Amino acid sequence: MWDGKPLVNSNICVIVCCHFCPWVCGCTKQMALQGPVPISLPGHPDLCFVVNGAYPASEDLAIAEETLTSCGFAKDASNVWVKSADQKRLAPATQIMGN
């Protein structure tokens, strides 16, 4: 993601043969599949949030984006996920334990 390679949403054969196996064998340090998204937190501008394991990889991306949206993040002009300015810190929901 940080190297500028496009993140792909390939079929299982391409994922295993062209991404996973070379990564496992140490031939590459990259696995350019959809799932990670850039995110910025105060004091840590260059982070990424990763969801991995769904097939197809586009599902990982959808899960990541839904999760960040539900947590009050939004994409800025450069497509980096940041905490929305209007998002107020909410108190945690009360949890009641049954007997």
PDB file of N, CA and C in Angstrom:
ATOM      1  N   MET A   1       0.822  -1.180   0.000  1.00  0.00           N
ATOM      2  CA  MET A   1       0.000   0.000   0.000  1.00  0.00           C
ATOM      3  C   MET A   1       0.871   1.249   0.000  1.00  0.00           C
ATOM      4  N   TRP A   2       1.887   1.263   0.846  1.00  0.00           N
ATOM      5  CA  TRP A   2       2.737   2.457   0.948  1.00  0.00           C
ATOM      6  C   TRP A   2       3.676   2.587  -0.244  1.00  0.00           C
ATOM      7  N   ASP A   3       3.930   1.492  -0.966  1.00  0.00           N
ATOM      8  CA  ASP A   3       4.835   1.547  -2.113  1.00  0.00           C
ATOM      9  C   ASP A   3       4.152   1.999  -3.393  1.00  0.00           C
ATOM     10  N   GLY A   4       2.868   2.273  -3.326  1.00  0.00           N
ATOM     11  CA  GLY A   4       2.154   2.747  -4.498  1.00  0.00           C
ATOM     12  C   GLY A   4       1.667   1.658  -5.429  1.00  0.00           C
ATOM     13  N   LYS A   5       1.833   0.391  -5.038  1.00  0.00           N
ATOM     14  CA  LYS A   5       1.330  -0.691  -5.875  1.00  0.00           C
ATOM     15  C   LYS A   5      -0.190  -0.736  -5.759  1.00  0.00           C
ATOM     16  N   PRO A   6      -0.872  -0.997  -6.881  1.00  0.00           N
ATOM     17  CA  PRO A   6      -2.330  -1.116  -6.786  1.00  0.00           C
ATOM     18  C   PRO A   6      -2.700  -2.360  -5.977  1.00  0.00           C
ATOM     19  N   LEU A   7      -3.696  -2.224  -5.126  1.00  0.00           N
ATOM     20  CA  LEU A   7      -4.157  -3.348  -4.325  1.00  0.00           C
ATOM     21  C   LEU A   7      -5.220  -4.087  -5.131  1.00  0.00           C
ATOM     22  N   VAL A   8      -5.011  -5.372  -5.348  1.00  0.00           N
ATOM     23  CA  VAL A   8      -5.855  -6.126  -6.269  1.00  0.00           C
ATOM     24  C   VAL A   8      -6.939  -6.924  -5.555  1.00  0.00           C
ATOM     25  N   ASN A   9      -7.941  -7.289  -6.334  1.00  0.00           N
ATOM     26  CA  ASN A   9      -9.040  -8.133  -5.898  1.00  0.00           C
ATOM     27  C   ASN A   9      -9.080  -9.298  -6.880  1.00  0.00           C
ATOM     28  N   SER A  10      -8.168 -10.261  -6.719  1.00  0.00           N
ATOM     29  CA  SER A  10      -7.985 -11.340  -7.686  1.00  0.00           C
ATOM     30  C   SER A  10      -8.744 -12.596  -7.290  1.00  0.00           C
ATOM     31  N   ASN A  11      -8.714 -13.569  -8.207  1.00  0.00           N
ATOM     32  CA  ASN A  11      -9.300 -14.869  -7.881  1.00  0.00           C
ATOM     33  C   ASN A  11      -8.349 -15.632  -6.967  1.00  0.00           C
ATOM     34  N   ILE A  12      -8.823 -16.719  -6.402  1.00  0.00           N
ATOM     35  CA  ILE A  12      -8.058 -17.447  -5.381  1.00  0.00           C
ATOM     36  C   ILE A  12      -6.737 -17.990  -5.926  1.00  0.00           C
ATOM     37  N   CYS A  13      -6.700 -18.422  -7.183  1.00  0.00           N
ATOM     38  CA  CYS A  13      -5.452 -18.949  -7.751  1.00  0.00           C
ATOM     39  C   CYS A  13      -4.370 -17.867  -7.818  1.00  0.00           C
ATOM     40  N   VAL A  14      -4.741 -16.679  -8.266  1.00  0.00           N
ATOM     41  CA  VAL A  14      -3.780 -15.574  -8.350  1.00  0.00           C
ATOM     42  C   VAL A  14      -3.333 -15.155  -6.954  1.00  0.00           C
ATOM     43  N   ILE A  15      -4.276 -15.111  -6.018  1.00  0.00           N
ATOM     44  CA  ILE A  15      -3.920 -14.730  -4.647  1.00  0.00           C
ATOM     45  C   ILE A  15      -2.898 -15.702  -4.071  1.00  0.00           C
ATOM     46  N   VAL A  16      -3.166 -17.003  -4.197  1.00  0.00           N
ATOM     47  CA  VAL A  16      -2.271 -18.008  -3.614  1.00  0.00           C
ATOM     48  C   VAL A  16      -0.942 -18.060  -4.358  1.00  0.00           C
ATOM     49  N   CYS A  17      -0.988 -18.177  -5.680  1.00  0.00           N
ATOM     50  CA  CYS A  17       0.242 -18.380  -6.456  1.00  0.00           C
ATOM     51  C   CYS A  17       1.094 -17.119  -6.627  1.00  0.00           C
ATOM     52  N   CYS A  18       0.449 -15.981  -6.787  1.00  0.00           N
ATOM     53  CA  CYS A  18       1.198 -14.760  -7.109  1.00  0.00           C
ATOM     54  C   CYS A  18       1.411 -13.823  -5.927  1.00  0.00           C
ATOM     55  N   HIS A  19       0.679 -14.047  -4.846  1.00  0.00           N
ATOM     56  CA  HIS A  19       0.812 -13.160  -3.687  1.00  0.00           C
ATOM     57  C   HIS A  19       1.232 -13.921  -2.432  1.00  0.00           C
ATOM     58  N   PHE A  20       0.431 -14.922  -2.053  1.00  0.00           N
ATOM     59  CA  PHE A  20       0.673 -15.613  -0.786  1.00  0.00           C
ATOM     60  C   PHE A  20       1.959 -16.441  -0.799  1.00  0.00           C
ATOM     61  N   CYS A  21       2.127 -17.308  -1.790  1.00  0.00           N
ATOM     62  CA  CYS A  21       3.318 -18.175  -1.819  1.00  0.00           C
ATOM     63  C   CYS A  21       4.627 -17.378  -1.882  1.00  0.00           C
ATOM     64  N   PRO A  22       4.751 -16.379  -2.756  1.00  0.00           N
ATOM     65  CA  PRO A  22       5.994 -15.597  -2.750  1.00  0.00           C
ATOM     66  C   PRO A  22       6.247 -14.894  -1.414  1.00  0.00           C
ATOM     67  N   TRP A  23       5.182 -14.464  -0.753  1.00  0.00           N
ATOM     68  CA  TRP A  23       5.326 -13.801   0.552  1.00  0.00           C
ATOM     69  C   TRP A  23       5.777 -14.806   1.610  1.00  0.00           C
ATOM     70  N   VAL A  24       5.151 -15.979   1.639  1.00  0.00           N
ATOM     71  CA  VAL A  24       5.513 -17.009   2.621  1.00  0.00           C
ATOM     72  C   VAL A  24       6.948 -17.474   2.417  1.00  0.00           C
ATOM     73  N   CYS A  25       7.367 -17.619   1.172  1.00  0.00           N
ATOM     74  CA  CYS A  25       8.724 -18.096   0.873  1.00  0.00           C
ATOM     75  C   CYS A  25       9.791 -17.027   1.084  1.00  0.00           C
ATOM     76  N   GLY A  26       9.384 -15.808   1.389  1.00  0.00           N
ATOM     77  CA  GLY A  26      10.346 -14.736   1.621  1.00  0.00           C
ATOM     78  C   GLY A  26      10.846 -14.077   0.351  1.00  0.00           C
ATOM     79  N   CYS A  27      10.185 -14.359  -0.770  1.00  0.00           N
ATOM     80  CA  CYS A  27      10.594 -13.751  -2.039  1.00  0.00           C
ATOM     81  C   CYS A  27      10.161 -12.291  -2.138  1.00  0.00           C
ATOM     82  N   THR A  28       9.194 -11.900  -1.326  1.00  0.00           N
ATOM     83  CA  THR A  28       8.709 -10.524  -1.317  1.00  0.00           C
ATOM     84  C   THR A  28       8.223 -10.170   0.083  1.00  0.00           C
ATOM     85  N   LYS A  29       8.229  -8.905   0.388  1.00  0.00           N
ATOM     86  CA  LYS A  29       7.693  -8.438   1.670  1.00  0.00           C
ATOM     87  C   LYS A  29       6.319  -7.817   1.468  1.00  0.00           C
ATOM     88  N   GLN A  30       5.785  -7.956   0.262  1.00  0.00           N
ATOM     89  CA  GLN A  30       4.521  -7.309  -0.066  1.00  0.00           C
ATOM     90  C   GLN A  30       3.445  -8.334  -0.393  1.00  0.00           C
ATOM     91  N   MET A  31       2.225  -7.997  -0.055  1.00  0.00           N
ATOM     92  CA  MET A  31       1.063  -8.753  -0.467  1.00  0.00           C
ATOM     93  C   MET A  31       0.021  -7.705  -0.848  1.00  0.00           C
ATOM     94  N   ALA A  32       0.051  -7.288  -2.100  1.00  0.00           N
ATOM     95  CA  ALA A  32      -0.741  -6.143  -2.559  1.00  0.00           C
ATOM     96  C   ALA A  32      -2.192  -6.528  -2.835  1.00  0.00           C
ATOM     97  N   LEU A  33      -2.901  -6.903  -1.783  1.00  0.00           N
ATOM     98  CA  LEU A  33      -4.310  -7.263  -1.883  1.00  0.00           C
ATOM     99  C   LEU A  33      -5.159  -6.221  -1.179  1.00  0.00           C
ATOM    100  N   GLN A  34      -6.401  -6.092  -1.614  1.00  0.00           N
ATOM    101  CA  GLN A  34      -7.302  -5.148  -0.968  1.00  0.00           C
ATOM    102  C   GLN A  34      -7.540  -5.573   0.477  1.00  0.00           C
ATOM    103  N   GLY A  35      -7.746  -4.613   1.352  1.00  0.00           N
ATOM    104  CA  GLY A  35      -7.974  -4.879   2.773  1.00  0.00           C
ATOM    105  C   GLY A  35      -7.409  -3.801   3.664  1.00  0.00           C
ATOM    106  N   PRO A  36      -6.168  -3.334   3.420  1.00  0.00           N
ATOM    107  CA  PRO A  36      -5.664  -2.239   4.251  1.00  0.00           C
ATOM    108  C   PRO A  36      -6.154  -0.886   3.742  1.00  0.00           C
ATOM    109  N   VAL A  37      -6.390   0.015   4.673  1.00  0.00           N
ATOM    110  CA  VAL A  37      -6.750   1.389   4.313  1.00  0.00           C
ATOM    111  C   VAL A  37      -5.890   2.337   5.134  1.00  0.00           C
ATOM    112  N   PRO A  38      -5.451   3.465   4.547  1.00  0.00           N
ATOM    113  CA  PRO A  38      -4.643   4.423   5.306  1.00  0.00           C
ATOM    114  C   PRO A  38      -5.504   5.151   6.334  1.00  0.00           C
ATOM    115  N   ILE A  39      -4.960   5.325   7.529  1.00  0.00           N
ATOM    116  CA  ILE A  39      -5.677   6.012   8.598  1.00  0.00           C
ATOM    117  C   ILE A  39      -4.697   6.893   9.350  1.00  0.00           C
ATOM    118  N   SER A  40      -5.200   7.989   9.870  1.00  0.00           N
ATOM    119  CA  SER A  40      -4.374   8.936  10.615  1.00  0.00           C
ATOM    120  C   SER A  40      -4.982   9.150  11.991  1.00  0.00           C
ATOM    121  N   LEU A  41      -4.142   9.031  13.014  1.00  0.00           N
ATOM    122  CA  LEU A  41      -4.544   9.310  14.391  1.00  0.00           C
ATOM    123  C   LEU A  41      -3.664  10.436  14.914  1.00  0.00           C
ATOM    124  N   PRO A  42      -4.127  11.197  15.888  1.00  0.00           N
ATOM    125  CA  PRO A  42      -3.308  12.291  16.418  1.00  0.00           C
ATOM    126  C   PRO A  42      -1.916  11.800  16.837  1.00  0.00           C
ATOM    127  N   GLY A  43      -0.893  12.415  16.282  1.00  0.00           N
ATOM    128  CA  GLY A  43       0.481  12.044  16.585  1.00  0.00           C
ATOM    129  C   GLY A  43       0.999  10.868  15.775  1.00  0.00           C
ATOM    130  N   HIS A  44       0.135  10.232  15.003  1.00  0.00           N
ATOM    131  CA  HIS A  44       0.513   9.074  14.185  1.00  0.00           C
ATOM    132  C   HIS A  44      -0.165   9.186  12.817  1.00  0.00           C
ATOM    133  N   PRO A  45       0.387  10.009  11.937  1.00  0.00           N
ATOM    134  CA  PRO A  45      -0.295  10.273  10.668  1.00  0.00           C
ATOM    135  C   PRO A  45      -0.217   9.147   9.639  1.00  0.00           C
ATOM    136  N   ASP A  46       0.769   8.272   9.717  1.00  0.00           N
ATOM    137  CA  ASP A  46       0.971   7.263   8.672  1.00  0.00           C
ATOM    138  C   ASP A  46       0.717   5.854   9.183  1.00  0.00           C
ATOM    139  N   LEU A  47      -0.533   5.543   9.428  1.00  0.00           N
ATOM    140  CA  LEU A  47      -0.913   4.213   9.891  1.00  0.00           C
ATOM    141  C   LEU A  47      -1.796   3.548   8.847  1.00  0.00           C
ATOM    142  N   CYS A  48      -2.017   2.251   9.014  1.00  0.00           N
ATOM    143  CA  CYS A  48      -3.020   1.595   8.181  1.00  0.00           C
ATOM    144  C   CYS A  48      -3.845   0.655   9.051  1.00  0.00           C
ATOM    145  N   PHE A  49      -5.084   0.494   8.671  1.00  0.00           N
ATOM    146  CA  PHE A  49      -6.031  -0.391   9.335  1.00  0.00           C
ATOM    147  C   PHE A  49      -6.246  -1.553   8.379  1.00  0.00           C
ATOM    148  N   VAL A  50      -6.044  -2.792   8.850  1.00  0.00           N
ATOM    149  CA  VAL A  50      -6.076  -3.948   7.958  1.00  0.00           C
ATOM    150  C   VAL A  50      -7.173  -4.919   8.368  1.00  0.00           C
ATOM    151  N   VAL A  51      -7.951  -5.325   7.388  1.00  0.00           N
ATOM    152  CA  VAL A  51      -8.890  -6.435   7.539  1.00  0.00           C
ATOM    153  C   VAL A  51      -8.438  -7.471   6.527  1.00  0.00           C
ATOM    154  N   ASN A  52      -8.300  -8.725   6.966  1.00  0.00           N
ATOM    155  CA  ASN A  52      -7.775  -9.755   6.086  1.00  0.00           C
ATOM    156  C   ASN A  52      -8.471 -11.071   6.365  1.00  0.00           C
ATOM    157  N   GLY A  53      -8.731 -11.835   5.323  1.00  0.00           N
ATOM    158  CA  GLY A  53      -9.254 -13.180   5.496  1.00  0.00           C
ATOM    159  C   GLY A  53     -10.524 -13.477   4.734  1.00  0.00           C
ATOM    160  N   ALA A  54     -11.229 -12.458   4.280  1.00  0.00           N
ATOM    161  CA  ALA A  54     -12.452 -12.700   3.519  1.00  0.00           C
ATOM    162  C   ALA A  54     -12.090 -12.972   2.062  1.00  0.00           C
ATOM    163  N   TYR A  55     -12.967 -13.639   1.378  1.00  0.00           N
ATOM    164  CA  TYR A  55     -12.792 -13.817  -0.063  1.00  0.00           C
ATOM    165  C   TYR A  55     -14.094 -13.425  -0.720  1.00  0.00           C
ATOM    166  N   PRO A  56     -14.074 -12.557  -1.673  1.00  0.00           N
ATOM    167  CA  PRO A  56     -12.919 -11.926  -2.300  1.00  0.00           C
ATOM    168  C   PRO A  56     -12.344 -10.799  -1.445  1.00  0.00           C
ATOM    169  N   ALA A  57     -11.184 -10.334  -1.834  1.00  0.00           N
ATOM    170  CA  ALA A  57     -10.482  -9.300  -1.061  1.00  0.00           C
ATOM    171  C   ALA A  57     -11.284  -8.008  -0.967  1.00  0.00           C
ATOM    172  N   SER A  58     -12.162  -7.778  -1.924  1.00  0.00           N
ATOM    173  CA  SER A  58     -12.994  -6.572  -1.870  1.00  0.00           C
ATOM    174  C   SER A  58     -13.892  -6.581  -0.633  1.00  0.00           C
ATOM    175  N   GLU A  59     -14.214  -7.769  -0.107  1.00  0.00           N
ATOM    176  CA  GLU A  59     -14.989  -7.861   1.138  1.00  0.00           C
ATOM    177  C   GLU A  59     -14.171  -7.334   2.312  1.00  0.00           C
ATOM    178  N   ASP A  60     -12.869  -7.634   2.333  1.00  0.00           N
ATOM    179  CA  ASP A  60     -11.990  -7.090   3.379  1.00  0.00           C
ATOM    180  C   ASP A  60     -12.040  -5.567   3.361  1.00  0.00           C
ATOM    181  N   LEU A  61     -11.960  -5.002   2.173  1.00  0.00           N
ATOM    182  CA  LEU A  61     -11.987  -3.549   2.019  1.00  0.00           C
ATOM    183  C   LEU A  61     -13.323  -2.978   2.495  1.00  0.00           C
ATOM    184  N   ALA A  62     -14.420  -3.631   2.123  1.00  0.00           N
ATOM    185  CA  ALA A  62     -15.743  -3.165   2.540  1.00  0.00           C
ATOM    186  C   ALA A  62     -15.894  -3.228   4.058  1.00  0.00           C
ATOM    187  N   ILE A  63     -15.402  -4.301   4.672  1.00  0.00           N
ATOM    188  CA  ILE A  63     -15.471  -4.446   6.132  1.00  0.00           C
ATOM    189  C   ILE A  63     -14.651  -3.351   6.810  1.00  0.00           C
ATOM    190  N   ALA A  64     -13.453  -3.092   6.299  1.00  0.00           N
ATOM    191  CA  ALA A  64     -12.594  -2.051   6.879  1.00  0.00           C
ATOM    192  C   ALA A  64     -13.280  -0.691   6.815  1.00  0.00           C
ATOM    193  N   GLU A  65     -13.838  -0.366   5.661  1.00  0.00           N
ATOM    194  CA  GLU A  65     -14.469   0.942   5.495  1.00  0.00           C
ATOM    195  C   GLU A  65     -15.734   1.074   6.340  1.00  0.00           C
ATOM    196  N   GLU A  66     -16.537   0.001   6.425  1.00  0.00           N
ATOM    197  CA  GLU A  66     -17.734   0.030   7.271  1.00  0.00           C
ATOM    198  C   GLU A  66     -17.368   0.199   8.738  1.00  0.00           C
ATOM    199  N   THR A  67     -16.334  -0.502   9.164  1.00  0.00           N
ATOM    200  CA  THR A  67     -15.895  -0.428  10.557  1.00  0.00           C
ATOM    201  C   THR A  67     -15.434   0.980  10.906  1.00  0.00           C
ATOM    202  N   LEU A  68     -14.589   1.555  10.060  1.00  0.00           N
ATOM    203  CA  LEU A  68     -14.099   2.907  10.329  1.00  0.00           C
ATOM    204  C   LEU A  68     -15.235   3.924  10.313  1.00  0.00           C
ATOM    205  N   THR A  69     -16.167   3.780   9.393  1.00  0.00           N
ATOM    206  CA  THR A  69     -17.316   4.687   9.343  1.00  0.00           C
ATOM    207  C   THR A  69     -18.136   4.587  10.623  1.00  0.00           C
ATOM    208  N   SER A  70     -18.381   3.358  11.088  1.00  0.00           N
ATOM    209  CA  SER A  70     -19.181   3.177  12.306  1.00  0.00           C
ATOM    210  C   SER A  70     -18.464   3.703  13.545  1.00  0.00           C
ATOM    211  N   CYS A  71     -17.148   3.849  13.472  1.00  0.00           N
ATOM    212  CA  CYS A  71     -16.370   4.383  14.598  1.00  0.00           C
ATOM    213  C   CYS A  71     -16.136   5.890  14.474  1.00  0.00           C
ATOM    214  N   GLY A  72     -16.816   6.538  13.530  1.00  0.00           N
ATOM    215  CA  GLY A  72     -16.731   7.990  13.417  1.00  0.00           C
ATOM    216  C   GLY A  72     -15.611   8.512  12.549  1.00  0.00           C
ATOM    217  N   PHE A  73     -15.019   7.671  11.712  1.00  0.00           N
ATOM    218  CA  PHE A  73     -13.976   8.113  10.795  1.00  0.00           C
ATOM    219  C   PHE A  73     -14.596   8.440   9.444  1.00  0.00           C
ATOM    220  N   ALA A  74     -13.911   9.267   8.680  1.00  0.00           N
ATOM    221  CA  ALA A  74     -14.330   9.604   7.319  1.00  0.00           C
ATOM    222  C   ALA A  74     -13.080   9.838   6.486  1.00  0.00           C
ATOM    223  N   LYS A  75     -13.199   9.640   5.179  1.00  0.00           N
ATOM    224  CA  LYS A  75     -12.069   9.887   4.283  1.00  0.00           C
ATOM    225  C   LYS A  75     -11.880  11.384   4.108  1.00  0.00           C
ATOM    226  N   ASP A  76     -10.612  11.816   4.155  1.00  0.00           N
ATOM    227  CA  ASP A  76     -10.324  13.220   3.867  1.00  0.00           C
ATOM    228  C   ASP A  76     -10.070  13.375   2.365  1.00  0.00           C
ATOM    229  N   ALA A  77      -9.643  14.546   1.940  1.00  0.00           N
ATOM    230  CA  ALA A  77      -9.429  14.827   0.517  1.00  0.00           C
ATOM    231  C   ALA A  77      -8.368  13.930  -0.113  1.00  0.00           C
ATOM    232  N   SER A  78      -7.448  13.405   0.694  1.00  0.00           N
ATOM    233  CA  SER A  78      -6.388  12.541   0.158  1.00  0.00           C
ATOM    234  C   SER A  78      -6.699  11.056   0.358  1.00  0.00           C
ATOM    235  N   ASN A  79      -7.963  10.719   0.659  1.00  0.00           N
ATOM    236  CA  ASN A  79      -8.425   9.338   0.859  1.00  0.00           C
ATOM    237  C   ASN A  79      -7.843   8.662   2.091  1.00  0.00           C
ATOM    238  N   VAL A  80      -7.387   9.445   3.056  1.00  0.00           N
ATOM    239  CA  VAL A  80      -6.911   8.910   4.335  1.00  0.00           C
ATOM    240  C   VAL A  80      -8.069   8.999   5.321  1.00  0.00           C
ATOM    241  N   TRP A  81      -8.291   7.940   6.092  1.00  0.00           N
ATOM    242  CA  TRP A  81      -9.367   7.926   7.077  1.00  0.00           C
ATOM    243  C   TRP A  81      -8.925   8.682   8.322  1.00  0.00           C
ATOM    244  N   VAL A  82      -9.714   9.678   8.716  1.00  0.00           N
ATOM    245  CA  VAL A  82      -9.439  10.491   9.903  1.00  0.00           C
ATOM    246  C   VAL A  82     -10.714  10.571  10.732  1.00  0.00           C
ATOM    247  N   LYS A  83     -10.551  10.848  12.019  1.00  0.00           N
ATOM    248  CA  LYS A  83     -11.708  10.996  12.902  1.00  0.00           C
ATOM    249  C   LYS A  83     -12.477  12.234  12.480  1.00  0.00           C
ATOM    250  N   SER A  84     -13.770  12.105  12.296  1.00  0.00           N
ATOM    251  CA  SER A  84     -14.604  13.240  11.894  1.00  0.00           C
ATOM    252  C   SER A  84     -14.540  14.332  12.937  1.00  0.00           C
ATOM    253  N   ALA A  85     -14.442  15.575  12.491  1.00  0.00           N
ATOM    254  CA  ALA A  85     -14.342  16.709  13.409  1.00  0.00           C
ATOM    255  C   ALA A  85     -15.583  16.850  14.268  1.00  0.00           C
ATOM    256  N   ASP A  86     -16.750  16.479  13.727  1.00  0.00           N
ATOM    257  CA  ASP A  86     -17.987  16.624  14.487  1.00  0.00           C
ATOM    258  C   ASP A  86     -18.294  15.415  15.368  1.00  0.00           C
ATOM    259  N   GLN A  87     -17.422  14.429  15.342  1.00  0.00           N
ATOM    260  CA  GLN A  87     -17.634  13.223  16.155  1.00  0.00           C
ATOM    261  C   GLN A  87     -17.295  13.517  17.605  1.00  0.00           C
ATOM    262  N   LYS A  88     -18.257  13.386  18.472  1.00  0.00           N
ATOM    263  CA  LYS A  88     -18.017  13.607  19.896  1.00  0.00           C
ATOM    264  C   LYS A  88     -17.703  12.275  20.551  1.00  0.00           C
ATOM    265  N   ARG A  89     -16.879  12.340  21.571  1.00  0.00           N
ATOM    266  CA  ARG A  89     -16.531  11.128  22.309  1.00  0.00           C
ATOM    267  C   ARG A  89     -17.743  10.719  23.138  1.00  0.00           C
ATOM    268  N   LEU A  90     -18.269   9.549  22.828  1.00  0.00           N
ATOM    269  CA  LEU A  90     -19.436   9.054  23.536  1.00  0.00           C
ATOM    270  C   LEU A  90     -19.017   8.170  24.697  1.00  0.00           C
ATOM    271  N   ALA A  91     -19.816   8.183  25.738  1.00  0.00           N
ATOM    272  CA  ALA A  91     -19.560   7.297  26.870  1.00  0.00           C
ATOM    273  C   ALA A  91     -19.868   5.871  26.427  1.00  0.00           C
ATOM    274  N   PRO A  92     -19.137   4.896  26.948  1.00  0.00           N
ATOM    275  CA  PRO A  92     -19.419   3.509  26.584  1.00  0.00           C
ATOM    276  C   PRO A  92     -20.832   3.122  27.004  1.00  0.00           C
ATOM    277  N   ALA A  93     -21.436   2.238  26.240  1.00  0.00           N
ATOM    278  CA  ALA A  93     -22.780   1.771  26.566  1.00  0.00           C
ATOM    279  C   ALA A  93     -22.757   0.980  27.869  1.00  0.00           C
ATOM    280  N   THR A  94     -23.815   1.106  28.639  1.00  0.00           N
ATOM    281  CA  THR A  94     -23.935   0.358  29.887  1.00  0.00           C
ATOM    282  C   THR A  94     -24.144  -1.106  29.560  1.00  0.00           C
ATOM    283  N   GLN A  95     -23.428  -1.964  30.243  1.00  0.00           N
ATOM    284  CA  GLN A  95     -23.586  -3.399  30.036  1.00  0.00           C
ATOM    285  C   GLN A  95     -24.173  -4.018  31.286  1.00  0.00           C
ATOM    286  N   ILE A  96     -25.207  -4.813  31.095  1.00  0.00           N
ATOM    287  CA  ILE A  96     -25.861  -5.472  32.219  1.00  0.00           C
ATOM    288  C   ILE A  96     -25.579  -6.958  32.120  1.00  0.00           C
ATOM    289  N   MET A  97     -25.035  -7.505  33.179  1.00  0.00           N
ATOM    290  CA  MET A  97     -24.730  -8.932  33.228  1.00  0.00           C
ATOM    291  C   MET A  97     -25.927  -9.671  33.809  1.00  0.00           C
ATOM    292  N   GLY A  98     -26.358 -10.723  33.151  1.00  0.00           N
ATOM    293  CA  GLY A  98     -27.461 -11.541  33.665  1.00  0.00           C
ATOM    294  C   GLY A  98     -27.010 -12.389  34.840  1.00  0.00           C
ATOM    295  N   ASN A  99     -27.985 -12.917  35.565  1.00  0.00           N
ATOM    296  CA  ASN A  99     -27.655 -13.762  36.731  1.00  0.00           C
ATOM    297  C   ASN A  99     -27.144 -15.091  36.324  1.00  0.00           C
TER     298      ASN A  99
END
